[in-house]
PDB file of N, CA and C in Angstrom:
ATOM      1  N   MET A   1      40.347 130.461 160.790  1.00  0.00           N
ATOM      2  CA  MET A   1      41.775 130.557 160.906  1.00  0.00           C
ATOM      3  C   MET A   1      42.271 129.509 161.250  1.00  0.00           C
ATOM      4  N   SER A   2      41.741 128.585 161.919  1.00  0.00           N
ATOM      5  CA  SER A   2      42.103 127.091 162.215  1.00  0.00           C
ATOM      6  C   SER A   2      42.480 126.330 160.745  1.00  0.00           C
ATOM      7  N   ALA A   3      41.441 126.302 159.978  1.00  0.00           N
ATOM      8  CA  ALA A   3      41.498 125.534 158.931  1.00  0.00           C
ATOM      9  C   ALA A   3      42.897 126.060 157.967  1.00  0.00           C
ATOM     10  N   PHE A   4      43.137 127.354 158.036  1.00  0.00           N
ATOM     11  CA  PHE A   4      44.058 127.762 157.242  1.00  0.00           C
ATOM     12  C   PHE A   4      45.438 127.413 157.847  1.00  0.00           C
ATOM     13  N   LEU A   5      45.726 127.378 159.299  1.00  0.00           N
ATOM     14  CA  LEU A   5      46.721 126.772 159.759  1.00  0.00           C
ATOM     15  C   LEU A   5      46.976 125.423 159.536  1.00  0.00           C
ATOM     16  N   SER A   6      46.212 124.605 159.618  1.00  0.00           N
ATOM     17  CA  SER A   6      46.266 123.350 159.778  1.00  0.00           C
ATOM     18  C   SER A   6      46.652 122.948 158.118  1.00  0.00           C
ATOM     19  N   TYR A   7      46.273 123.760 157.122  1.00  0.00           N
ATOM     20  CA  TYR A   7      46.558 123.664 155.623  1.00  0.00           C
ATOM     21  C   TYR A   7      48.107 124.086 155.364  1.00  0.00           C
ATOM     22  N   VAL A   8      48.656 125.080 156.346  1.00  0.00           N
ATOM     23  CA  VAL A   8      49.984 125.626 156.271  1.00  0.00           C
ATOM     24  C   VAL A   8      50.959 124.657 156.994  1.00  0.00           C
ATOM     25  N   PHE A   9      50.439 123.974 158.162  1.00  0.00           N
ATOM     26  CA  PHE A   9      51.356 123.472 159.085  1.00  0.00           C
ATOM     27  C   PHE A   9      52.255 122.601 158.749  1.00  0.00           C
ATOM     28  N   PRO A  10      52.174 121.586 157.496  1.00  0.00           N
ATOM     29  CA  PRO A  10      53.138 120.570 157.209  1.00  0.00           C
ATOM     30  C   PRO A  10      54.442 121.629 156.432  1.00  0.00           C
ATOM     31  N   ALA A  11      53.896 122.688 155.805  1.00  0.00           N
ATOM     32  CA  ALA A  11      55.320 123.347 155.429  1.00  0.00           C
ATOM     33  C   ALA A  11      55.493 124.454 156.260  1.00  0.00           C
ATOM     34  N   SER A  12      55.447 124.471 157.321  1.00  0.00           N
ATOM     35  CA  SER A  12      55.649 125.752 158.257  1.00  0.00           C
ATOM     36  C   SER A  12      57.196 125.983 158.348  1.00  0.00           C
ATOM     37  N   ALA A  13      58.076 125.124 158.330  1.00  0.00           N
ATOM     38  CA  ALA A  13      59.492 125.320 158.108  1.00  0.00           C
ATOM     39  C   ALA A  13      59.732 126.227 156.946  1.00  0.00           C
ATOM     40  N   GLU A  14      59.115 125.653 155.630  1.00  0.00           N
ATOM     41  CA  GLU A  14      59.128 126.515 154.316  1.00  0.00           C
ATOM     42  C   GLU A  14      58.901 127.681 154.499  1.00  0.00           C
ATOM     43  N   CYS A  15      57.734 127.972 155.114  1.00  0.00           N
ATOM     44  CA  CYS A  15      57.114 129.451 154.993  1.00  0.00           C
ATOM     45  C   CYS A  15      57.954 130.364 155.980  1.00  0.00           C
ATOM     46  N   PHE A  16      58.397 129.927 157.202  1.00  0.00           N
ATOM     47  CA  PHE A  16      59.379 130.616 157.888  1.00  0.00           C
ATOM     48  C   PHE A  16      60.817 130.840 157.236  1.00  0.00           C
ATOM     49  N   VAL A  17      61.166 130.154 156.180  1.00  0.00           N
ATOM     50  CA  VAL A  17      62.428 130.480 155.525  1.00  0.00           C
ATOM     51  C   VAL A  17      61.840 131.678 154.417  1.00  0.00           C
ATOM     52  N   LEU A  18      60.827 131.744 153.811  1.00  0.00           N
ATOM     53  CA  LEU A  18      60.342 132.519 152.952  1.00  0.00           C
ATOM     54  C   LEU A  18      60.181 133.751 153.716  1.00  0.00           C
ATOM     55  N   VAL A  19      59.628 133.854 154.754  1.00  0.00           N
ATOM     56  CA  VAL A  19      59.504 135.221 155.317  1.00  0.00           C
ATOM     57  C   VAL A  19      60.880 135.688 155.916  1.00  0.00           C
ATOM     58  N   ALA A  20      61.491 134.923 156.510  1.00  0.00           N
ATOM     59  CA  ALA A  20      62.850 135.180 157.019  1.00  0.00           C
ATOM     60  C   ALA A  20      63.637 135.895 156.008  1.00  0.00           C
ATOM     61  N   SER A  21      63.745 135.199 154.924  1.00  0.00           N
ATOM     62  CA  SER A  21      64.379 135.617 153.772  1.00  0.00           C
ATOM     63  C   SER A  21      64.120 136.715 153.136  1.00  0.00           C
ATOM     64  N   CYS A  22      62.898 137.408 153.217  1.00  0.00           N
ATOM     65  CA  CYS A  22      62.389 138.735 152.909  1.00  0.00           C
ATOM     66  C   CYS A  22      62.915 139.497 153.881  1.00  0.00           C
ATOM     67  N   VAL A  23      62.923 139.458 155.193  1.00  0.00           N
ATOM     68  CA  VAL A  23      63.417 140.120 156.232  1.00  0.00           C
ATOM     69  C   VAL A  23      64.651 140.529 156.019  1.00  0.00           C
ATOM     70  N   ILE A  24      65.463 139.547 156.096  1.00  0.00           N
ATOM     71  CA  ILE A  24      66.867 139.515 155.871  1.00  0.00           C
ATOM     72  C   ILE A  24      67.092 140.295 154.771  1.00  0.00           C
ATOM     73  N   LEU A  25      66.787 140.081 153.467  1.00  0.00           N
ATOM     74  CA  LEU A  25      66.871 140.927 152.532  1.00  0.00           C
ATOM     75  C   LEU A  25      66.708 142.534 152.730  1.00  0.00           C
ATOM     76  N   MET A  26      65.446 142.619 153.241  1.00  0.00           N
ATOM     77  CA  MET A  26      65.246 144.080 153.701  1.00  0.00           C
ATOM     78  C   MET A  26      66.179 144.592 154.737  1.00  0.00           C
ATOM     79  N   ALA A  27      66.712 143.769 155.472  1.00  0.00           N
ATOM     80  CA  ALA A  27      67.582 144.140 156.569  1.00  0.00           C
ATOM     81  C   ALA A  27      68.926 144.889 156.083  1.00  0.00           C
ATOM     82  N   GLY A  28      69.251 143.855 154.852  1.00  0.00           N
ATOM     83  CA  GLY A  28      70.134 144.223 154.090  1.00  0.00           C
ATOM     84  C   GLY A  28      70.265 145.705 153.487  1.00  0.00           C
ATOM     85  N   VAL A  29      69.008 145.882 152.958  1.00  0.00           N
ATOM     86  CA  VAL A  29      69.127 147.332 152.253  1.00  0.00           C
ATOM     87  C   VAL A  29      68.979 148.501 153.154  1.00  0.00           C
ATOM     88  N   PHE A  30      68.105 148.078 154.333  1.00  0.00           N
ATOM     89  CA  PHE A  30      67.986 149.416 155.205  1.00  0.00           C
ATOM     90  C   PHE A  30      69.121 149.496 156.297  1.00  0.00           C
ATOM     91  N   PHE A  31      69.989 148.550 156.396  1.00  0.00           N
ATOM     92  CA  PHE A  31      70.981 148.693 157.269  1.00  0.00           C
ATOM     93  C   PHE A  31      72.543 148.257 156.740  1.00  0.00           C
ATOM     94  N   PRO A  32      72.844 148.900 155.704  1.00  0.00           N
ATOM     95  CA  PRO A  32      74.015 148.323 154.942  1.00  0.00           C
ATOM     96  C   PRO A  32      75.376 148.358 155.469  1.00  0.00           C
ATOM     97  N   LYS A  33      75.339 149.325 156.783  1.00  0.00           N
ATOM     98  CA  LYS A  33      76.698 149.497 157.266  1.00  0.00           C
ATOM     99  C   LYS A  33      76.954 148.326 158.377  1.00  0.00           C
ATOM    100  N   ARG A  34      75.756 147.528 158.812  1.00  0.00           N
ATOM    101  CA  ARG A  34      75.763 146.570 159.945  1.00  0.00           C
ATOM    102  C   ARG A  34      75.727 145.245 158.829  1.00  0.00           C
ATOM    103  N   GLU A  35      76.913 144.936 158.511  1.00  0.00           N
ATOM    104  CA  GLU A  35      77.063 143.728 157.518  1.00  0.00           C
ATOM    105  C   GLU A  35      77.088 142.276 157.996  1.00  0.00           C
ATOM    106  N   SER A  36      77.013 142.402 159.246  1.00  0.00           N
ATOM    107  CA  SER A  36      77.185 141.105 160.015  1.00  0.00           C
ATOM    108  C   SER A  36      75.992 140.723 160.339  1.00  0.00           C
ATOM    109  N   LEU A  37      74.616 141.651 160.189  1.00  0.00           N
ATOM    110  CA  LEU A  37      73.382 141.575 160.766  1.00  0.00           C
ATOM    111  C   LEU A  37      73.100 140.585 160.071  1.00  0.00           C
ATOM    112  N   CYS A  38      73.157 140.731 158.484  1.00  0.00           N
ATOM    113  CA  CYS A  38      72.653 139.682 157.650  1.00  0.00           C
ATOM    114  C   CYS A  38      72.941 138.135 157.919  1.00  0.00           C
ATOM    115  N   TYR A  39      74.243 138.337 158.324  1.00  0.00           N
ATOM    116  CA  TYR A  39      75.040 136.868 158.497  1.00  0.00           C
ATOM    117  C   TYR A  39      74.140 136.181 159.716  1.00  0.00           C
ATOM    118  N   TYR A  40      74.138 137.132 160.828  1.00  0.00           N
ATOM    119  CA  TYR A  40      73.470 136.202 162.015  1.00  0.00           C
ATOM    120  C   TYR A  40      71.934 136.154 161.515  1.00  0.00           C
ATOM    121  N   LEU A  41      71.310 136.720 160.820  1.00  0.00           N
ATOM    122  CA  LEU A  41      69.924 136.607 160.684  1.00  0.00           C
ATOM    123  C   LEU A  41      69.773 135.340 160.044  1.00  0.00           C
ATOM    124  N   THR A  42      70.771 135.139 158.888  1.00  0.00           N
ATOM    125  CA  THR A  42      70.800 134.084 158.141  1.00  0.00           C
ATOM    126  C   THR A  42      71.208 132.835 158.900  1.00  0.00           C
ATOM    127  N   GLN A  43      71.818 132.607 159.724  1.00  0.00           N
ATOM    128  CA  GLN A  43      72.342 131.598 160.476  1.00  0.00           C
ATOM    129  C   GLN A  43      71.211 131.322 161.664  1.00  0.00           C
ATOM    130  N   PHE A  44      70.632 132.364 162.129  1.00  0.00           N
ATOM    131  CA  PHE A  44      69.157 132.057 162.940  1.00  0.00           C
ATOM    132  C   PHE A  44      68.154 131.584 162.101  1.00  0.00           C
ATOM    133  N   THR A  45      67.933 131.847 160.955  1.00  0.00           N
ATOM    134  CA  THR A  45      67.055 131.412 160.540  1.00  0.00           C
ATOM    135  C   THR A  45      67.011 129.805 159.940  1.00  0.00           C
ATOM    136  N   VAL A  46      68.452 129.254 159.678  1.00  0.00           N
ATOM    137  CA  VAL A  46      68.876 128.119 159.235  1.00  0.00           C
ATOM    138  C   VAL A  46      68.466 126.984 160.659  1.00  0.00           C
ATOM    139  N   LEU A  47      68.911 127.583 161.774  1.00  0.00           N
ATOM    140  CA  LEU A  47      68.610 127.204 162.928  1.00  0.00           C
ATOM    141  C   LEU A  47      67.151 126.955 163.368  1.00  0.00           C
ATOM    142  N   VAL A  48      66.630 128.025 163.359  1.00  0.00           N
ATOM    143  CA  VAL A  48      64.961 127.738 163.404  1.00  0.00           C
ATOM    144  C   VAL A  48      64.394 126.717 162.612  1.00  0.00           C
ATOM    145  N   ALA A  49      64.757 127.042 161.497  1.00  0.00           N
ATOM    146  CA  ALA A  49      64.015 125.908 160.395  1.00  0.00           C
ATOM    147  C   ALA A  49      64.424 124.458 160.588  1.00  0.00           C
ATOM    148  N   MET A  50      65.641 124.245 161.019  1.00  0.00           N
ATOM    149  CA  MET A  50      65.982 122.820 161.669  1.00  0.00           C
ATOM    150  C   MET A  50      65.017 122.487 162.783  1.00  0.00           C
ATOM    151  N   VAL A  51      64.853 123.585 163.695  1.00  0.00           N
ATOM    152  CA  VAL A  51      64.025 123.088 164.804  1.00  0.00           C
ATOM    153  C   VAL A  51      62.649 123.135 164.394  1.00  0.00           C
ATOM    154  N   LEU A  52      62.060 124.011 163.585  1.00  0.00           N
ATOM    155  CA  LEU A  52      60.746 123.622 162.939  1.00  0.00           C
ATOM    156  C   LEU A  52      60.458 122.159 162.351  1.00  0.00           C
ATOM    157  N   THR A  53      61.542 121.903 161.397  1.00  0.00           N
ATOM    158  CA  THR A  53      61.288 120.781 160.669  1.00  0.00           C
ATOM    159  C   THR A  53      61.146 119.681 161.476  1.00  0.00           C
ATOM    160  N   VAL A  54      62.165 119.501 162.527  1.00  0.00           N
ATOM    161  CA  VAL A  54      61.768 118.229 163.568  1.00  0.00           C
ATOM    162  C   VAL A  54      60.612 118.393 164.369  1.00  0.00           C
ATOM    163  N   TRP A  55      60.247 119.451 164.742  1.00  0.00           N
ATOM    164  CA  TRP A  55      58.966 119.719 165.609  1.00  0.00           C
ATOM    165  C   TRP A  55      57.911 119.103 164.696  1.00  0.00           C
ATOM    166  N   VAL A  56      57.703 119.999 163.486  1.00  0.00           N
ATOM    167  CA  VAL A  56      56.541 119.447 162.543  1.00  0.00           C
ATOM    168  C   VAL A  56      56.619 117.766 162.398  1.00  0.00           C
ATOM    169  N   PHE A  57      57.581 117.158 162.416  1.00  0.00           N
ATOM    170  CA  PHE A  57      57.986 115.890 162.001  1.00  0.00           C
ATOM    171  C   PHE A  57      57.248 115.150 163.199  1.00  0.00           C
ATOM    172  N   ALA A  58      57.763 115.634 164.469  1.00  0.00           N
ATOM    173  CA  ALA A  58      57.455 114.948 165.564  1.00  0.00           C
ATOM    174  C   ALA A  58      55.655 114.973 165.809  1.00  0.00           C
ATOM    175  N   LYS A  59      55.317 116.237 165.457  1.00  0.00           N
ATOM    176  CA  LYS A  59      53.865 116.297 165.960  1.00  0.00           C
ATOM    177  C   LYS A  59      52.874 115.631 164.810  1.00  0.00           C
ATOM    178  N   SER A  60      53.392 115.502 163.480  1.00  0.00           N
ATOM    179  CA  SER A  60      52.643 114.909 162.727  1.00  0.00           C
ATOM    180  C   SER A  60      52.982 113.509 162.256  1.00  0.00           C
ATOM    181  N   VAL A  61      54.047 113.126 162.074  1.00  0.00           N
ATOM    182  CA  VAL A  61      54.578 111.861 161.531  1.00  0.00           C
ATOM    183  C   VAL A  61      54.928 110.871 162.925  1.00  0.00           C
ATOM    184  N   GLY A  62      55.956 111.635 163.420  1.00  0.00           N
ATOM    185  CA  GLY A  62      56.465 110.667 164.614  1.00  0.00           C
ATOM    186  C   GLY A  62      55.505 109.891 165.462  1.00  0.00           C
ATOM    187  N   ALA A  63      54.445 110.311 165.605  1.00  0.00           N
ATOM    188  CA  ALA A  63      53.373 109.479 166.663  1.00  0.00           C
ATOM    189  C   ALA A  63      52.988 108.522 165.793  1.00  0.00           C
ATOM    190  N   GLN A  64      52.410 108.557 164.768  1.00  0.00           N
ATOM    191  CA  GLN A  64      51.506 107.469 163.883  1.00  0.00           C
ATOM    192  C   GLN A  64      52.623 106.784 163.040  1.00  0.00           C
ATOM    193  N   GLY A  65      53.752 107.187 162.525  1.00  0.00           N
ATOM    194  CA  GLY A  65      54.892 106.793 161.827  1.00  0.00           C
ATOM    195  C   GLY A  65      54.363 106.550 160.190  1.00  0.00           C
ATOM    196  N   GLN A  66      53.140 107.155 160.000  1.00  0.00           N
ATOM    197  CA  GLN A  66      52.896 107.142 158.566  1.00  0.00           C
ATOM    198  C   GLN A  66      52.945 108.576 158.039  1.00  0.00           C
ATOM    199  N   PRO A  67      53.592 108.539 156.653  1.00  0.00           N
ATOM    200  CA  PRO A  67      53.786 109.575 156.066  1.00  0.00           C
ATOM    201  C   PRO A  67      52.862 110.650 155.840  1.00  0.00           C
ATOM    202  N   LEU A  68      53.234 111.974 156.192  1.00  0.00           N
ATOM    203  CA  LEU A  68      51.928 113.129 155.762  1.00  0.00           C
ATOM    204  C   LEU A  68      51.972 113.344 154.275  1.00  0.00           C
ATOM    205  N   TYR A  69      50.722 113.458 153.709  1.00  0.00           N
ATOM    206  CA  TYR A  69      50.700 114.037 152.373  1.00  0.00           C
ATOM    207  C   TYR A  69      49.873 115.194 152.585  1.00  0.00           C
ATOM    208  N   ALA A  70      50.289 116.138 151.877  1.00  0.00           N
ATOM    209  CA  ALA A  70      49.554 117.431 151.775  1.00  0.00           C
ATOM    210  C   ALA A  70      49.599 118.040 150.434  1.00  0.00           C
ATOM    211  N   TYR A  71      48.690 119.152 150.198  1.00  0.00           N
ATOM    212  CA  TYR A  71      48.936 119.940 148.932  1.00  0.00           C
ATOM    213  C   TYR A  71      48.611 118.757 147.641  1.00  0.00           C
ATOM    214  N   SER A  72      47.380 118.048 147.586  1.00  0.00           N
ATOM    215  CA  SER A  72      47.077 117.176 146.749  1.00  0.00           C
ATOM    216  C   SER A  72      48.202 116.144 146.439  1.00  0.00           C
ATOM    217  N   GLN A  73      48.719 115.452 147.616  1.00  0.00           N
ATOM    218  CA  GLN A  73      49.838 114.818 147.545  1.00  0.00           C
ATOM    219  C   GLN A  73      51.036 114.937 146.916  1.00  0.00           C
ATOM    220  N   GLY A  74      51.437 116.474 146.563  1.00  0.00           N
ATOM    221  CA  GLY A  74      52.490 116.945 146.177  1.00  0.00           C
ATOM    222  C   GLY A  74      53.786 117.140 147.239  1.00  0.00           C
ATOM    223  N   TYR A  75      53.309 116.993 148.413  1.00  0.00           N
ATOM    224  CA  TYR A  75      54.264 117.341 149.539  1.00  0.00           C
ATOM    225  C   TYR A  75      54.126 116.087 150.374  1.00  0.00           C
ATOM    226  N   ILE A  76      55.023 115.477 150.594  1.00  0.00           N
ATOM    227  CA  ILE A  76      55.296 114.260 151.442  1.00  0.00           C
ATOM    228  C   ILE A  76      56.147 114.399 152.471  1.00  0.00           C
ATOM    229  N   LEU A  77      55.708 114.477 153.771  1.00  0.00           N
ATOM    230  CA  LEU A  77      56.630 114.463 154.796  1.00  0.00           C
ATOM    231  C   LEU A  77      56.699 113.070 155.586  1.00  0.00           C
ATOM    232  N   ASP A  78      58.201 112.538 155.267  1.00  0.00           N
ATOM    233  CA  ASP A  78      58.345 111.238 156.176  1.00  0.00           C
ATOM    234  C   ASP A  78      59.797 111.401 156.551  1.00  0.00           C
ATOM    235  N   ARG A  79      60.426 110.264 156.831  1.00  0.00           N
ATOM    236  CA  ARG A  79      61.646 110.413 157.551  1.00  0.00           C
ATOM    237  C   ARG A  79      62.784 110.662 156.558  1.00  0.00           C
ATOM    238  N   LEU A  80      62.440 110.064 155.579  1.00  0.00           N
ATOM    239  CA  LEU A  80      63.653 110.450 154.281  1.00  0.00           C
ATOM    240  C   LEU A  80      63.409 112.056 154.027  1.00  0.00           C
ATOM    241  N   ALA A  81      62.316 112.482 153.878  1.00  0.00           N
ATOM    242  CA  ALA A  81      62.292 113.726 153.452  1.00  0.00           C
ATOM    243  C   ALA A  81      62.826 114.802 154.744  1.00  0.00           C
ATOM    244  N   VAL A  82      62.362 114.361 156.031  1.00  0.00           N
ATOM    245  CA  VAL A  82      62.884 115.481 157.048  1.00  0.00           C
ATOM    246  C   VAL A  82      64.515 114.827 157.285  1.00  0.00           C
ATOM    247  N   ALA A  83      65.087 113.815 157.116  1.00  0.00           N
ATOM    248  CA  ALA A  83      66.469 113.411 156.874  1.00  0.00           C
ATOM    249  C   ALA A  83      67.224 114.383 155.958  1.00  0.00           C
ATOM    250  N   LEU A  84      66.829 114.439 154.780  1.00  0.00           N
ATOM    251  CA  LEU A  84      67.229 115.376 153.614  1.00  0.00           C
ATOM    252  C   LEU A  84      67.152 116.796 153.801  1.00  0.00           C
ATOM    253  N   LYS A  85      65.985 117.196 154.477  1.00  0.00           N
ATOM    254  CA  LYS A  85      65.786 118.761 154.593  1.00  0.00           C
ATOM    255  C   LYS A  85      66.749 119.306 155.643  1.00  0.00           C
ATOM    256  N   LEU A  86      67.105 118.261 156.761  1.00  0.00           N
ATOM    257  CA  LEU A  86      67.888 118.676 157.936  1.00  0.00           C
ATOM    258  C   LEU A  86      69.298 118.605 157.475  1.00  0.00           C
ATOM    259  N   LEU A  87      69.754 117.695 156.507  1.00  0.00           N
ATOM    260  CA  LEU A  87      71.156 117.565 155.905  1.00  0.00           C
ATOM    261  C   LEU A  87      71.129 118.875 155.224  1.00  0.00           C
ATOM    262  N   THR A  88      70.241 119.430 154.272  1.00  0.00           N
ATOM    263  CA  THR A  88      70.538 120.418 153.174  1.00  0.00           C
ATOM    264  C   THR A  88      70.805 121.738 154.353  1.00  0.00           C
ATOM    265  N   LEU A  89      69.978 122.070 155.503  1.00  0.00           N
ATOM    266  CA  LEU A  89      70.029 122.833 156.173  1.00  0.00           C
ATOM    267  C   LEU A  89      71.426 123.109 156.882  1.00  0.00           C
ATOM    268  N   LEU A  90      71.927 121.790 157.357  1.00  0.00           N
ATOM    269  CA  LEU A  90      73.070 121.673 158.171  1.00  0.00           C
ATOM    270  C   LEU A  90      74.151 122.063 157.189  1.00  0.00           C
ATOM    271  N   CYS A  91      74.028 121.491 155.738  1.00  0.00           N
ATOM    272  CA  CYS A  91      75.244 122.290 154.895  1.00  0.00           C
ATOM    273  C   CYS A  91      75.065 123.553 154.657  1.00  0.00           C
ATOM    274  N   SER A  92      73.920 123.825 154.365  1.00  0.00           N
ATOM    275  CA  SER A  92      74.005 125.436 154.354  1.00  0.00           C
ATOM    276  C   SER A  92      74.487 126.191 155.268  1.00  0.00           C
ATOM    277  N   PHE A  93      74.198 125.925 156.713  1.00  0.00           N
ATOM    278  CA  PHE A  93      74.591 126.552 157.895  1.00  0.00           C
ATOM    279  C   PHE A  93      76.389 126.633 157.917  1.00  0.00           C
ATOM    280  N   PHE A  94      76.961 125.303 157.505  1.00  0.00           N
ATOM    281  CA  PHE A  94      78.288 125.236 157.332  1.00  0.00           C
ATOM    282  C   PHE A  94      79.067 126.111 156.414  1.00  0.00           C
ATOM    283  N   THR A  95      78.074 126.216 155.084  1.00  0.00           N
ATOM    284  CA  THR A  95      78.589 126.842 153.979  1.00  0.00           C
ATOM    285  C   THR A  95      78.662 128.239 154.283  1.00  0.00           C
ATOM    286  N   PHE A  96      77.699 128.854 155.090  1.00  0.00           N
ATOM    287  CA  PHE A  96      77.605 130.357 155.296  1.00  0.00           C
ATOM    288  C   PHE A  96      78.722 130.605 156.254  1.00  0.00           C
ATOM    289  N   ILE A  97      79.164 129.544 157.246  1.00  0.00           N
ATOM    290  CA  ILE A  97      80.405 129.837 157.931  1.00  0.00           C
ATOM    291  C   ILE A  97      81.564 129.808 157.056  1.00  0.00           C
ATOM    292  N   TYR A  98      81.797 128.836 156.213  1.00  0.00           N
ATOM    293  CA  TYR A  98      82.740 129.141 155.307  1.00  0.00           C
ATOM    294  C   TYR A  98      82.879 130.121 154.309  1.00  0.00           C
ATOM    295  N   ALA A  99      81.781 130.612 153.751  1.00  0.00           N
ATOM    296  CA  ALA A  99      81.784 131.689 153.010  1.00  0.00           C
ATOM    297  C   ALA A  99      82.117 132.896 153.443  1.00  0.00           C
ATOM    298  N   ARG A 100      81.481 133.102 154.889  1.00  0.00           N
ATOM    299  CA  ARG A 100      81.972 134.256 155.457  1.00  0.00           C
ATOM    300  C   ARG A 100      83.595 134.359 155.888  1.00  0.00           C
ATOM    301  N   SER A 101      84.330 133.434 156.069  1.00  0.00           N
ATOM    302  CA  SER A 101      85.660 133.467 156.435  1.00  0.00           C
ATOM    303  C   SER A 101      86.369 133.647 154.966  1.00  0.00           C
ATOM    304  N   TYR A 102      85.761 133.066 153.948  1.00  0.00           N
ATOM    305  CA  TYR A 102      86.685 133.113 152.810  1.00  0.00           C
ATOM    306  C   TYR A 102      86.330 134.659 152.215  1.00  0.00           C
ATOM    307  N   ASN A 103      85.432 135.207 152.476  1.00  0.00           N
ATOM    308  CA  ASN A 103      84.953 136.504 152.075  1.00  0.00           C
ATOM    309  C   ASN A 103      85.929 137.662 152.619  1.00  0.00           C
ATOM    310  N   ARG A 104      86.134 137.457 154.019  1.00  0.00           N
ATOM    311  CA  ARG A 104      87.183 138.371 154.920  1.00  0.00           C
ATOM    312  C   ARG A 104      88.558 138.014 154.669  1.00  0.00           C
ATOM    313  N   VAL A 105      88.956 136.760 154.212  1.00  0.00           N
ATOM    314  CA  VAL A 105      90.367 136.329 153.951  1.00  0.00           C
ATOM    315  C   VAL A 105      90.737 137.242 152.417  1.00  0.00           C
ATOM    316  N   PHE A 106      89.694 137.059 151.570  1.00  0.00           N
ATOM    317  CA  PHE A 106      90.026 137.567 150.146  1.00  0.00           C
ATOM    318  C   PHE A 106      89.546 138.981 149.806  1.00  0.00           C
ATOM    319  N   ASN A 107      88.812 139.762 151.032  1.00  0.00           N
ATOM    320  CA  ASN A 107      88.134 140.859 150.979  1.00  0.00           C
ATOM    321  C   ASN A 107      87.246 141.155 150.107  1.00  0.00           C
ATOM    322  N   LEU A 108      86.455 140.052 150.031  1.00  0.00           N
ATOM    323  CA  LEU A 108      85.268 140.423 149.302  1.00  0.00           C
ATOM    324  C   LEU A 108      83.885 140.952 150.103  1.00  0.00           C
ATOM    325  N   PRO A 109      83.196 141.776 149.352  1.00  0.00           N
ATOM    326  CA  PRO A 109      82.275 142.199 149.885  1.00  0.00           C
ATOM    327  C   PRO A 109      81.218 141.345 150.384  1.00  0.00           C
TER     328      PRO A 109
END
């Protein structure tokens, strides 16, 4: 089990977003009357992904300063990758806020 976790560790934020997205989609199917549930779960997912991104960077790259290469060097974790991922997640967070208010103003589902 430890070898599996060390293999998945560099992409743990992406794995979390994948699993959380499936949970959010299922919550939307099984709880259709609680429309704000999916919104809050999505925002929570984005925030946790940001925290996981910073945590993985601090645990792996932050101490040595050397980039982390994983998955046959197809996944590179360095300062630029973390900055771009955090910027993408931050933009997603505010996009969801704007989209929710836009949908309410124009009575969109």
